[in-house]
């Protein structure tokens, strides 16, 4: 199941032919460094039950503190059974992807570039599924690009991440203060109690949280500030079909905020009342996958 996807280099064949013999030449060092970096982003790929399926590919993008691993256990294999070739990417500095620069210097635009590079490497434009910050990055990408469809799972709202920030400040003031003093956002989430309150419903077992905690990364301070207000989403520029999904037990993106996001795009959100923020890790994840599958089949035209 855990296959590291190699980028489809057909689109880069001309680049490769021109640079392969001068890969280490000084004049092309920066160009080749960027090309090699792009090819090293961690991409997990599922196994598809029906290789002849005419369903579109899907690309999953994680949120803050996470990586491609959060899609590996449930969403990737189940979408494979439904006939979808699917990929889950890890952003720069997250999980198995290389360090692009110091973590706190990464901006939302860097993450958008990661997403753009992966999309451009695929033979067919995928359906995008972004969770939390991943949903925000998808929105930023869609400002200047169109895709067959995009699913926003408990997305950071286009008008800023203030609701989640205030929730953390209210419930965990000392962790919030420490995170800001040390410039280490991992401090907010690196304890089982805080991890559960912010990300998980009571349906997720304690042993599951214990399994996830060692996998989390820190997050970029500058990317976080971008989502507070420095680089908000221009919703009027987005015209791709959207499906917005949320959880009734979500403390990071409360339902009131989710509805405001949906209102910005004039769509009706789909709510799973008993789920928390990490919808893709909920025991009843199949209900969410089936909803997305039905939405894609209704909206997708090849």
Protein backbone atom coordinates (compact mmCIF):
# COMPACT_ATOMS: atom_id res chain seq x y z
CA UNK A 1 0.00 0.00 0.00
CA UNK A 2 2.73 2.48 0.90
CA UNK A 3 4.14 3.15 -2.55
CA UNK A 4 6.21 6.25 -3.10
CA UNK A 5 4.98 7.70 -6.37
CA UNK A 6 7.59 8.77 -8.89
CA UNK A 7 6.54 11.83 -10.85
CA UNK A 8 5.47 11.25 -14.42
CA UNK A 9 8.43 12.72 -16.28
CA UNK A 10 6.79 12.75 -19.70
CA UNK A 11 5.97 16.39 -19.18
CA UNK A 12 9.57 17.02 -18.18
CA UNK A 13 11.28 14.98 -20.91
CA UNK A 14 12.49 18.03 -22.77
CA UNK A 15 13.84 19.55 -19.56
CA UNK A 16 15.56 16.29 -18.67
CA UNK A 17 17.15 15.88 -22.09
CA UNK A 18 18.53 19.39 -21.96
CA UNK A 19 19.91 19.15 -18.45
CA UNK A 20 20.83 15.55 -17.73
CA UNK A 21 24.38 15.87 -19.06
CA UNK A 22 24.96 19.13 -17.24
CA UNK A 23 23.21 18.28 -14.00
CA UNK A 24 26.05 19.50 -11.88
CA UNK A 25 27.22 22.37 -14.04
CA UNK A 26 27.45 25.67 -12.21
CA UNK A 27 25.34 27.56 -14.73
CA UNK A 28 22.33 25.29 -14.20
CA UNK A 29 22.88 24.43 -10.56
CA UNK A 30 19.95 26.40 -9.19
CA UNK A 31 17.58 25.20 -11.92
CA UNK A 32 18.50 21.56 -11.41
CA UNK A 33 18.34 21.87 -7.65
CA UNK A 34 14.73 23.06 -7.94
CA UNK A 35 13.88 20.28 -10.41
CA UNK A 36 15.39 17.59 -8.19
CA UNK A 37 13.66 19.03 -5.14
CA UNK A 38 10.30 18.89 -6.86
CA UNK A 39 10.81 15.24 -7.76
CA UNK A 40 11.53 14.37 -4.13
CA UNK A 41 8.26 15.46 -2.55
CA UNK A 42 6.70 12.49 -0.78
CA UNK A 43 3.74 11.11 -2.72
CA UNK A 44 1.82 8.04 -1.62
CA UNK A 45 -0.17 6.19 -4.27
CA UNK A 46 -2.95 3.67 -3.76
CA UNK A 47 -3.72 0.43 -5.56
CA UNK A 48 -6.78 0.58 -7.78
CA UNK A 49 -9.18 -2.36 -7.95
CA UNK A 50 -10.24 -1.58 -11.51
CA UNK A 51 -7.30 -0.29 -13.57
CA UNK A 52 -9.66 0.38 -16.50
CA UNK A 53 -11.84 2.71 -14.45
CA UNK A 54 -12.72 5.96 -16.18
CA UNK A 55 -12.93 7.80 -12.88
CA UNK A 56 -10.68 10.84 -12.45
CA UNK A 57 -7.54 10.74 -10.31
CA UNK A 58 -7.67 12.27 -6.84
CA UNK A 59 -4.93 14.23 -5.07
CA UNK A 60 -5.12 14.55 -1.28
CA UNK A 61 -3.49 17.41 0.61
CA UNK A 62 -3.04 17.38 4.39
CA UNK A 63 -3.37 20.17 6.92
CA UNK A 64 -1.20 21.69 9.64
CA UNK A 65 1.15 19.32 11.49
CA UNK A 66 0.23 16.36 9.26
CA UNK A 67 1.62 14.65 6.18
CA UNK A 68 0.55 12.20 3.49
CA UNK A 69 0.35 9.56 6.22
CA UNK A 70 -3.05 10.83 7.41
CA UNK A 71 -4.70 9.51 4.21
CA UNK A 72 -2.86 6.20 4.12
CA UNK A 73 -4.93 3.98 6.40
CA UNK A 74 -8.47 4.77 5.27
CA UNK A 75 -9.04 7.15 2.37
CA UNK A 76 -6.39 5.92 -0.05
CA UNK A 77 -7.30 2.20 0.06
CA UNK A 78 -11.06 2.77 0.07
CA UNK A 79 -10.94 5.16 -2.88
CA UNK A 80 -8.82 2.51 -4.63
CA UNK A 81 -11.58 -0.05 -4.10
CA UNK A 82 -13.99 2.40 -5.69
CA UNK A 83 -11.79 2.66 -8.77
CA UNK A 84 -9.99 5.96 -8.13
CA UNK A 85 -6.27 6.24 -8.72
CA UNK A 86 -5.31 8.41 -5.79
CA UNK A 87 -2.26 10.25 -4.51
CA UNK A 88 -1.45 11.84 -1.17
CA UNK A 89 1.35 14.39 -1.05
CA UNK A 90 3.41 15.76 1.80
CA UNK A 91 4.18 19.46 1.68
CA UNK A 92 7.72 20.78 1.98
CA UNK A 93 9.31 19.96 5.37
CA UNK A 94 6.40 17.68 6.29
CA UNK A 95 6.60 13.91 6.88
CA UNK A 96 8.80 12.33 4.17
CA UNK A 97 9.28 15.44 2.02
CA UNK A 98 12.63 17.26 2.07
CA UNK A 99 13.31 20.54 3.84
CA UNK A 100 12.92 23.42 1.42
CA UNK A 101 14.02 26.09 3.89
CA UNK A 102 13.74 26.72 7.63
CA UNK A 103 10.25 25.60 8.66
CA UNK A 104 9.12 28.99 9.98
CA UNK A 105 10.14 30.70 6.73
CA UNK A 106 7.72 28.72 4.58
CA UNK A 107 4.78 30.72 3.27
CA UNK A 108 1.39 29.68 1.92
CA UNK A 109 2.70 30.54 -1.55
CA UNK A 110 5.44 27.90 -1.07
CA UNK A 111 2.80 25.29 -0.28
CA UNK A 112 0.72 26.37 -3.27
CA UNK A 113 3.81 25.90 -5.44
CA UNK A 114 4.25 22.37 -4.04
CA UNK A 115 0.65 21.57 -4.96
CA UNK A 116 1.04 23.10 -8.41
CA UNK A 117 4.19 21.07 -9.11
CA UNK A 118 2.51 17.80 -8.18
CA UNK A 119 -0.61 18.57 -10.24
CA UNK A 120 1.53 19.46 -13.26
CA UNK A 121 3.38 16.15 -12.96
CA UNK A 122 0.23 14.07 -13.35
CA UNK A 123 -1.08 12.94 -16.72
CA UNK A 124 -4.59 14.16 -15.91
CA UNK A 125 -5.78 17.07 -13.78
CA UNK A 126 -7.03 15.51 -10.54
CA UNK A 127 -9.94 16.13 -8.24
CA UNK A 128 -8.42 17.93 -5.25
CA UNK A 129 -9.22 17.00 -1.66
CA UNK A 130 -7.75 19.37 0.91
CA UNK A 131 -8.09 19.06 4.67
CA UNK A 132 -7.86 22.05 7.04
CA UNK A 133 -4.80 24.09 5.94
CA UNK A 134 -4.73 21.82 2.88
CA UNK A 135 -8.21 23.11 2.07
CA UNK A 136 -6.91 26.66 2.36
CA UNK A 137 -4.01 25.88 0.02
CA UNK A 138 -6.43 24.34 -2.47
CA UNK A 139 -8.50 27.55 -2.38
CA UNK A 140 -5.38 29.65 -3.01
CA UNK A 141 -4.42 27.39 -5.93
CA UNK A 142 -7.91 27.74 -7.42
CA UNK A 143 -7.60 31.51 -7.53
CA UNK A 144 -5.54 31.11 -10.69
CA UNK A 145 -6.38 27.58 -11.82
CA UNK A 146 -9.43 25.46 -12.57
CA UNK A 147 -9.90 21.77 -11.77
CA UNK A 148 -12.74 19.29 -12.42
CA UNK A 149 -13.70 19.55 -8.77
CA UNK A 150 -12.36 20.25 -5.29
CA UNK A 151 -13.41 18.89 -1.91
CA UNK A 152 -12.72 21.03 1.15
CA UNK A 153 -12.67 18.94 4.33
CA UNK A 154 -13.04 21.12 7.44
CA UNK A 155 -11.12 23.84 5.58
CA UNK A 156 -9.39 26.83 7.10
CA UNK A 157 -11.85 29.56 6.06
CA UNK A 158 -10.93 31.96 3.27
CA UNK A 159 -11.37 34.88 5.68
CA UNK A 160 -8.77 33.63 8.17
CA UNK A 161 -7.96 31.10 10.87
CA UNK A 162 -9.15 33.26 13.79
CA UNK A 163 -11.82 30.91 15.18
CA UNK A 164 -9.39 28.03 15.65
CA UNK A 165 -6.78 30.37 17.10
CA UNK A 166 -9.16 31.79 19.69
CA UNK A 167 -10.32 28.29 20.63
CA UNK A 168 -6.73 27.24 21.39
CA UNK A 169 -6.07 30.46 23.33
CA UNK A 170 -9.20 29.95 25.41
CA UNK A 171 -8.68 26.26 26.22
CA UNK A 172 -4.88 25.98 26.27
CA UNK A 173 -3.48 29.45 27.06
CA UNK A 174 -0.12 28.23 28.37
CA UNK A 175 0.52 26.00 25.35
CA UNK A 176 -0.50 28.91 23.10
CA UNK A 177 1.87 31.26 24.92
CA UNK A 178 4.74 28.75 24.78
CA UNK A 179 4.19 28.14 21.06
CA UNK A 180 4.44 31.86 20.36
CA UNK A 181 7.43 32.47 22.65
CA UNK A 182 9.39 29.54 21.22
CA UNK A 183 8.08 29.98 17.65
CA UNK A 184 7.21 26.28 17.68
CA UNK A 185 3.60 25.58 16.74
CA UNK A 186 4.03 21.89 17.45
CA UNK A 187 3.68 22.80 21.12
CA UNK A 188 -0.02 23.40 20.56
CA UNK A 189 -0.73 19.86 19.42
CA UNK A 190 1.93 17.56 20.93
CA UNK A 191 -0.09 16.33 23.91
CA UNK A 192 -2.89 13.72 23.76
CA UNK A 193 -5.42 15.99 25.50
CA UNK A 194 -4.78 18.93 23.15
CA UNK A 195 -4.57 16.68 20.09
CA UNK A 196 -7.97 15.19 20.87
CA UNK A 197 -9.68 18.47 21.74
CA UNK A 198 -8.52 20.27 18.62
CA UNK A 199 -8.52 17.47 16.06
CA UNK A 200 -10.47 14.40 17.18
CA UNK A 201 -13.94 13.40 18.25
CA UNK A 202 -14.48 10.90 21.05
CA UNK A 203 -14.98 8.24 18.37
CA UNK A 204 -11.22 8.03 17.79
CA UNK A 205 -9.62 5.67 20.28
CA UNK A 206 -6.81 6.72 22.60
CA UNK A 207 -4.41 4.20 21.08
CA UNK A 208 -4.99 5.78 17.69
CA UNK A 209 -3.99 9.19 19.03
CA UNK A 210 -0.91 7.62 20.60
CA UNK A 211 -0.03 6.28 17.15
CA UNK A 212 -0.50 9.62 15.40
CA UNK A 213 1.36 11.87 17.85
CA UNK A 214 4.92 10.77 16.90
CA UNK A 215 4.14 11.49 13.24
CA UNK A 216 3.23 15.16 13.62
CA UNK A 217 5.52 17.98 12.53
CA UNK A 218 5.69 21.56 13.62
CA UNK A 219 4.16 24.17 11.34
CA UNK A 220 5.40 27.37 9.77
CA UNK A 221 4.77 30.55 11.75
CA UNK A 222 4.75 32.62 8.56
CA UNK A 223 2.28 30.29 6.82
CA UNK A 224 0.08 30.55 9.90
CA UNK A 225 0.28 34.37 9.81
CA UNK A 226 -0.60 34.24 6.11
CA UNK A 227 -3.80 32.42 7.08
CA UNK A 228 -4.53 34.97 9.80
CA UNK A 229 -4.66 37.78 7.29
CA UNK A 230 -1.53 38.37 5.23
CA UNK A 231 -2.62 36.15 2.33
CA UNK A 232 -6.36 35.59 2.46
CA UNK A 233 -8.32 33.81 -0.27
CA UNK A 234 -9.86 35.82 -3.08
CA UNK A 235 -13.06 33.78 -3.28
CA UNK A 236 -14.51 35.68 -6.25
CA UNK A 237 -11.68 34.37 -8.43
CA UNK A 238 -12.64 30.73 -7.82
CA UNK A 239 -15.03 29.03 -10.24
CA UNK A 240 -14.28 25.31 -9.89
CA UNK A 241 -17.02 23.01 -8.52
CA UNK A 242 -16.70 22.74 -4.73
CA UNK A 243 -17.89 20.29 -2.10
CA UNK A 244 -17.50 21.48 1.49
CA UNK A 245 -17.63 18.94 4.33
CA UNK A 246 -17.42 19.46 8.08
CA UNK A 247 -17.78 17.70 11.41
CA UNK A 248 -20.26 18.59 14.13
CA UNK A 249 -17.64 17.98 16.84
CA UNK A 250 -14.93 20.07 15.18
CA UNK A 251 -13.26 22.50 17.58
CA UNK A 252 -10.78 23.80 15.01
CA UNK A 253 -13.33 24.79 12.35
CA UNK A 254 -16.66 25.14 14.17
CA UNK A 255 -19.89 24.67 12.21
CA UNK A 256 -20.67 28.39 12.31
CA UNK A 257 -17.37 29.10 10.56
CA UNK A 258 -17.86 26.25 8.09
CA UNK A 259 -21.27 27.63 7.11
CA UNK A 260 -19.74 31.07 6.53
CA UNK A 261 -17.16 29.48 4.23
CA UNK A 262 -19.88 27.67 2.32
CA UNK A 263 -21.85 30.91 2.04
CA UNK A 264 -18.84 32.55 0.40
CA UNK A 265 -19.11 30.00 -2.40
CA UNK A 266 -22.91 29.76 -2.46
CA UNK A 267 -22.90 26.03 -1.68
CA UNK A 268 -24.56 23.94 1.03
CA UNK A 269 -22.04 22.19 3.30
CA UNK A 270 -22.39 18.53 4.18
CA UNK A 271 -22.15 17.90 7.90
CA UNK A 272 -21.28 14.70 9.76
CA UNK A 273 -22.59 15.56 13.21
CA UNK A 274 -20.54 13.07 15.22
CA UNK A 275 -17.16 13.72 13.56
CA UNK A 276 -14.32 15.96 14.64
CA UNK A 277 -11.75 17.92 12.67
CA UNK A 278 -9.72 14.95 11.39
CA UNK A 279 -12.56 13.56 9.31
CA UNK A 280 -10.24 11.30 7.30
CA UNK A 281 -9.27 9.42 10.50
CA UNK A 282 -12.78 8.90 11.86
CA UNK A 283 -14.06 5.29 12.21
CA UNK A 284 -17.03 6.15 9.96
CA UNK A 285 -14.77 7.54 7.22
CA UNK A 286 -16.53 5.39 4.59
CA UNK A 287 -19.62 7.60 4.86
CA UNK A 288 -17.48 10.58 3.87
CA UNK A 289 -15.79 8.71 1.03
CA UNK A 290 -19.14 7.52 -0.32
CA UNK A 291 -20.43 11.10 -0.27
CA UNK A 292 -17.38 12.33 -2.18
CA UNK A 293 -17.68 9.45 -4.66
CA UNK A 294 -21.34 10.29 -5.37
CA UNK A 295 -20.53 13.99 -5.74
CA UNK A 296 -17.71 13.27 -8.20
CA UNK A 297 -19.85 10.93 -10.29
CA UNK A 298 -22.63 13.53 -10.44
CA UNK A 299 -20.38 16.48 -11.29
CA UNK A 300 -17.46 15.00 -13.23
CA UNK A 301 -17.49 15.22 -16.99
CA UNK A 302 -14.41 13.91 -18.81
